[in-house]
């Protein structure tokens, strides 16, 4: 059972000098190509409409790349390295930005208000898909890192806690309008909004419910990818 729940084995050890294996290059190529694709759609949409909108999607996508790159660096550093702990903290701080792109679907408008609705649907879904994939892949790298150090049970506990943190982080960003770097610029105000739902859960039932739903979405999507990867590995 534990073997099934383990993340797919990496071709190289976390401390390996092989920073760019063929699988890693393929992953960067697909994700990079997808990013160029959504950029092209965003530009085409602006040309057709005569004005550029939804530019914030590019910024949100850039923020979603940060946890993926951070996790990739962590995965290739010695576990005892201070630098690895720094990038692990950076990963956790920016991890909610990946699933946050899914919530950008809220900006879709009806056909009566938007003659580019179908283009917008494909474009926004593509941004959301990229954000989800960047999040899942970064979580897989961190899951593998933790599992190698502390065992499969600790690895999955980490996945559950990270998914919960991501769900709550999306709530803070979408509804409370906080950014990841506000932990440095406005730490006390941010802390107040973080603890408020737990100090008065009944008054923040909808907020906590939203965070739980996003967390469940992350767990479901991640578990699905792990099972499919294991299925492929076992032929």
Protein backbone atom coordinates (compact mmCIF):
# COMPACT_ATOMS: atom_id res chain seq x y z
CA UNK A 1 0.00 0.00 0.00
CA UNK A 2 2.79 2.43 0.92
CA UNK A 3 4.46 1.78 -2.44
CA UNK A 4 1.29 2.83 -4.24
CA UNK A 5 1.10 6.05 -2.25
CA UNK A 6 4.72 6.99 -2.80
CA UNK A 7 5.38 9.66 -5.43
CA UNK A 8 6.87 8.24 -8.65
CA UNK A 9 10.58 7.59 -8.20
CA UNK A 10 12.87 10.33 -9.44
CA UNK A 11 15.55 9.41 -11.98
CA UNK A 12 18.15 11.23 -9.85
CA UNK A 13 18.73 11.68 -6.15
CA UNK A 14 17.79 15.10 -4.69
CA UNK A 15 21.46 15.99 -4.18
CA UNK A 16 22.43 14.88 -7.70
CA UNK A 17 24.43 17.16 -9.94
CA UNK A 18 22.10 16.31 -12.83
CA UNK A 19 20.08 19.49 -12.67
CA UNK A 20 18.68 19.09 -16.19
CA UNK A 21 17.77 15.51 -16.94
CA UNK A 22 15.80 14.66 -20.06
CA UNK A 23 12.58 14.46 -18.06
CA UNK A 24 13.23 17.81 -16.44
CA UNK A 25 13.98 19.39 -19.83
CA UNK A 26 10.76 17.93 -21.21
CA UNK A 27 8.77 19.32 -18.26
CA UNK A 28 10.28 22.79 -18.64
CA UNK A 29 9.70 22.66 -22.41
CA UNK A 30 6.02 21.72 -22.05
CA UNK A 31 5.32 24.27 -19.31
CA UNK A 32 7.34 26.95 -21.09
CA UNK A 33 5.61 26.20 -24.37
CA UNK A 34 2.25 26.38 -22.65
CA UNK A 35 3.18 29.75 -21.16
CA UNK A 36 4.09 31.06 -24.62
CA UNK A 37 0.80 29.69 -25.96
CA UNK A 38 -1.32 31.56 -23.40
CA UNK A 39 0.77 34.69 -23.98
CA UNK A 40 0.03 34.43 -27.71
CA UNK A 41 -3.70 34.07 -26.98
CA UNK A 42 -3.63 37.07 -24.68
CA UNK A 43 -1.91 39.19 -27.37
CA UNK A 44 -4.30 37.95 -30.08
CA UNK A 45 -7.25 38.79 -27.86
CA UNK A 46 -5.92 42.30 -27.36
CA UNK A 47 -5.39 42.82 -31.10
CA UNK A 48 -8.89 41.58 -31.93
CA UNK A 49 -10.54 43.64 -29.21
CA UNK A 50 -8.49 46.77 -29.88
CA UNK A 51 -7.41 46.94 -26.26
CA UNK A 52 -5.49 44.70 -23.91
CA UNK A 53 -7.34 43.15 -21.00
CA UNK A 54 -6.64 40.36 -18.55
CA UNK A 55 -2.97 41.35 -18.37
CA UNK A 56 -3.08 40.35 -14.69
CA UNK A 57 -3.18 36.72 -15.83
CA UNK A 58 0.44 36.97 -16.95
CA UNK A 59 1.48 38.31 -13.56
CA UNK A 60 -0.40 35.54 -11.80
CA UNK A 61 1.22 32.95 -14.07
CA UNK A 62 4.65 34.36 -13.29
CA UNK A 63 3.91 34.01 -9.57
CA UNK A 64 2.81 30.42 -10.18
CA UNK A 65 6.21 29.64 -11.70
CA UNK A 66 8.01 30.67 -8.47
CA UNK A 67 6.94 27.65 -6.36
CA UNK A 68 7.76 25.27 -9.21
CA UNK A 69 11.27 26.67 -9.68
CA UNK A 70 11.77 26.82 -5.89
CA UNK A 71 10.74 23.18 -5.47
CA UNK A 72 12.98 22.15 -8.35
CA UNK A 73 15.95 23.83 -6.67
CA UNK A 74 15.11 22.26 -3.29
CA UNK A 75 14.90 18.84 -4.92
CA UNK A 76 18.48 19.13 -6.16
CA UNK A 77 20.12 20.45 -3.00
CA UNK A 78 21.37 18.49 0.03
CA UNK A 79 18.60 18.22 2.63
CA UNK A 80 20.76 19.72 5.37
CA UNK A 81 21.54 22.77 3.24
CA UNK A 82 20.42 26.13 4.59
CA UNK A 83 19.78 27.13 0.99
CA UNK A 84 17.39 24.19 0.60
CA UNK A 85 15.43 25.34 3.66
CA UNK A 86 15.30 28.87 2.27
CA UNK A 87 13.84 27.72 -1.05
CA UNK A 88 11.45 25.36 0.77
CA UNK A 89 10.11 28.36 2.71
CA UNK A 90 9.90 30.34 -0.55
CA UNK A 91 7.96 27.47 -2.09
CA UNK A 92 5.45 27.41 0.77
CA UNK A 93 5.04 31.18 0.62
CA UNK A 94 4.26 31.25 -3.11
CA UNK A 95 2.59 27.85 -3.47
CA UNK A 96 -0.98 29.25 -3.23
CA UNK A 97 -0.30 31.38 -6.32
CA UNK A 98 -0.49 28.24 -8.50
CA UNK A 99 -4.09 27.18 -7.68
CA UNK A 100 -5.03 30.87 -7.46
CA UNK A 101 -5.06 30.95 -11.27
CA UNK A 102 -8.04 28.58 -11.22
CA UNK A 103 -10.09 31.21 -9.41
CA UNK A 104 -9.36 33.74 -12.18
CA UNK A 105 -12.18 32.02 -14.08
CA UNK A 106 -14.42 34.33 -12.06
CA UNK A 107 -13.58 37.09 -14.56
CA UNK A 108 -15.47 35.38 -17.40
CA UNK A 109 -18.48 37.37 -18.56
CA UNK A 110 -21.68 36.34 -20.33
CA UNK A 111 -22.12 36.22 -24.12
CA UNK A 112 -24.19 39.42 -24.07
CA UNK A 113 -21.31 41.30 -22.44
CA UNK A 114 -18.41 39.70 -24.27
CA UNK A 115 -18.14 38.88 -27.99
CA UNK A 116 -14.86 37.07 -27.32
CA UNK A 117 -16.36 34.71 -24.75
CA UNK A 118 -15.21 31.46 -26.36
CA UNK A 119 -11.68 32.74 -26.83
CA UNK A 120 -11.70 33.88 -23.22
CA UNK A 121 -12.93 30.48 -22.04
CA UNK A 122 -10.08 28.66 -23.79
CA UNK A 123 -7.54 31.27 -22.72
CA UNK A 124 -8.55 31.38 -19.06
CA UNK A 125 -8.88 27.61 -18.83
CA UNK A 126 -5.37 27.31 -20.27
CA UNK A 127 -4.04 29.73 -17.65
CA UNK A 128 -5.87 27.79 -14.93
CA UNK A 129 -4.53 24.48 -16.25
CA UNK A 130 -0.96 25.79 -16.29
CA UNK A 131 -1.34 27.09 -12.76
CA UNK A 132 -2.69 23.75 -11.57
CA UNK A 133 0.10 21.80 -13.30
CA UNK A 134 2.81 24.08 -11.91
CA UNK A 135 1.29 23.59 -8.47
CA UNK A 136 0.97 19.82 -8.74
CA UNK A 137 4.50 19.37 -10.09
CA UNK A 138 6.00 21.57 -7.41
CA UNK A 139 4.04 19.63 -4.77
CA UNK A 140 5.32 16.34 -6.23
CA UNK A 141 8.93 17.56 -5.98
CA UNK A 142 8.45 18.64 -2.37
CA UNK A 143 6.52 15.46 -1.55
CA UNK A 144 9.38 13.37 -2.89
CA UNK A 145 11.90 15.45 -0.93
CA UNK A 146 10.01 15.01 2.36
CA UNK A 147 9.26 11.31 1.74
CA UNK A 148 12.91 10.49 1.13
CA UNK A 149 13.88 12.18 4.38
CA UNK A 150 11.07 11.07 6.70
CA UNK A 151 9.12 8.26 5.01
CA UNK A 152 5.96 7.91 2.95
CA UNK A 153 3.52 8.62 5.81
CA UNK A 154 5.24 11.92 6.64
CA UNK A 155 5.28 12.69 2.93
CA UNK A 156 1.52 12.37 2.62
CA UNK A 157 0.93 14.28 5.83
CA UNK A 158 3.01 17.04 4.26
CA UNK A 159 0.83 16.92 1.11
CA UNK A 160 -2.35 17.26 3.18
CA UNK A 161 -0.98 20.18 5.21
CA UNK A 162 0.44 21.90 2.10
CA UNK A 163 -2.91 21.54 0.31
CA UNK A 164 -4.66 23.04 3.31
CA UNK A 165 -2.20 25.93 3.37
CA UNK A 166 -2.73 26.45 -0.37
CA UNK A 167 -6.51 26.56 0.04
CA UNK A 168 -6.28 29.09 2.84
CA UNK A 169 -3.70 31.10 0.90
CA UNK A 170 -6.04 31.30 -2.11
CA UNK A 171 -8.77 32.59 0.21
CA UNK A 172 -6.41 35.27 1.55
CA UNK A 173 -5.50 36.32 -1.97
CA UNK A 174 -8.92 36.18 -3.63
CA UNK A 175 -11.12 37.59 -0.88
CA UNK A 176 -8.78 39.44 1.46
CA UNK A 177 -6.57 40.69 -1.42
CA UNK A 178 -3.27 39.81 0.26
CA UNK A 179 -0.12 39.06 -1.72
CA UNK A 180 2.65 36.59 -0.84
CA UNK A 181 5.18 39.35 -0.15
CA UNK A 182 2.84 41.10 2.31
CA UNK A 183 4.24 38.77 4.97
CA UNK A 184 7.30 41.05 4.85
CA UNK A 185 5.69 44.42 4.12
CA UNK A 186 2.60 44.13 6.37
CA UNK A 187 3.14 41.13 8.67
CA UNK A 188 0.91 42.18 11.57
CA UNK A 189 -2.09 43.09 9.43
CA UNK A 190 -1.72 39.84 7.51
CA UNK A 191 -1.43 37.84 10.74
CA UNK A 192 -4.67 39.42 11.96
CA UNK A 193 -6.55 38.25 8.85
CA UNK A 194 -4.95 34.79 9.06
CA UNK A 195 -6.06 34.14 12.63
CA UNK A 196 -9.48 35.84 12.42
CA UNK A 197 -11.35 32.87 10.84
CA UNK A 198 -9.98 30.47 13.47
CA UNK A 199 -10.78 32.77 16.39
CA UNK A 200 -14.36 33.27 15.17
CA UNK A 201 -15.12 30.30 12.85
CA UNK A 202 -18.89 30.88 12.75
CA UNK A 203 -18.42 34.42 11.46
CA UNK A 204 -16.06 33.16 8.74
CA UNK A 205 -17.84 29.92 7.82
CA UNK A 206 -17.99 30.75 4.10
CA UNK A 207 -14.32 31.72 4.04
CA UNK A 208 -13.26 28.50 5.72
CA UNK A 209 -15.59 26.53 3.47
CA UNK A 210 -13.97 28.03 0.38
CA UNK A 211 -10.49 27.22 1.71
CA UNK A 212 -11.55 23.62 2.37
CA UNK A 213 -12.95 23.28 -1.16
CA UNK A 214 -9.73 24.53 -2.76
CA UNK A 215 -7.70 22.24 -0.51
CA UNK A 216 -9.87 19.28 -1.51
CA UNK A 217 -9.45 20.20 -5.18
CA UNK A 218 -5.68 20.21 -4.77
CA UNK A 219 -5.68 16.85 -2.97
CA UNK A 220 -7.99 15.25 -5.51
CA UNK A 221 -6.00 16.52 -8.50
CA UNK A 222 -2.66 15.60 -6.99
CA UNK A 223 -3.74 12.12 -5.94
CA UNK A 224 -5.13 11.53 -9.44
CA UNK A 225 -1.80 12.41 -11.04
CA UNK A 226 0.11 10.17 -8.61
CA UNK A 227 -2.17 7.20 -9.31
CA UNK A 228 -1.92 7.71 -13.08
CA UNK A 229 1.86 7.98 -12.88
CA UNK A 230 2.05 4.76 -10.84
CA UNK A 231 -0.28 3.05 -13.29
CA UNK A 232 2.04 3.94 -16.14
CA UNK A 233 5.17 2.86 -14.22
CA UNK A 234 3.68 -0.54 -13.44
CA UNK A 235 2.78 -1.08 -17.10
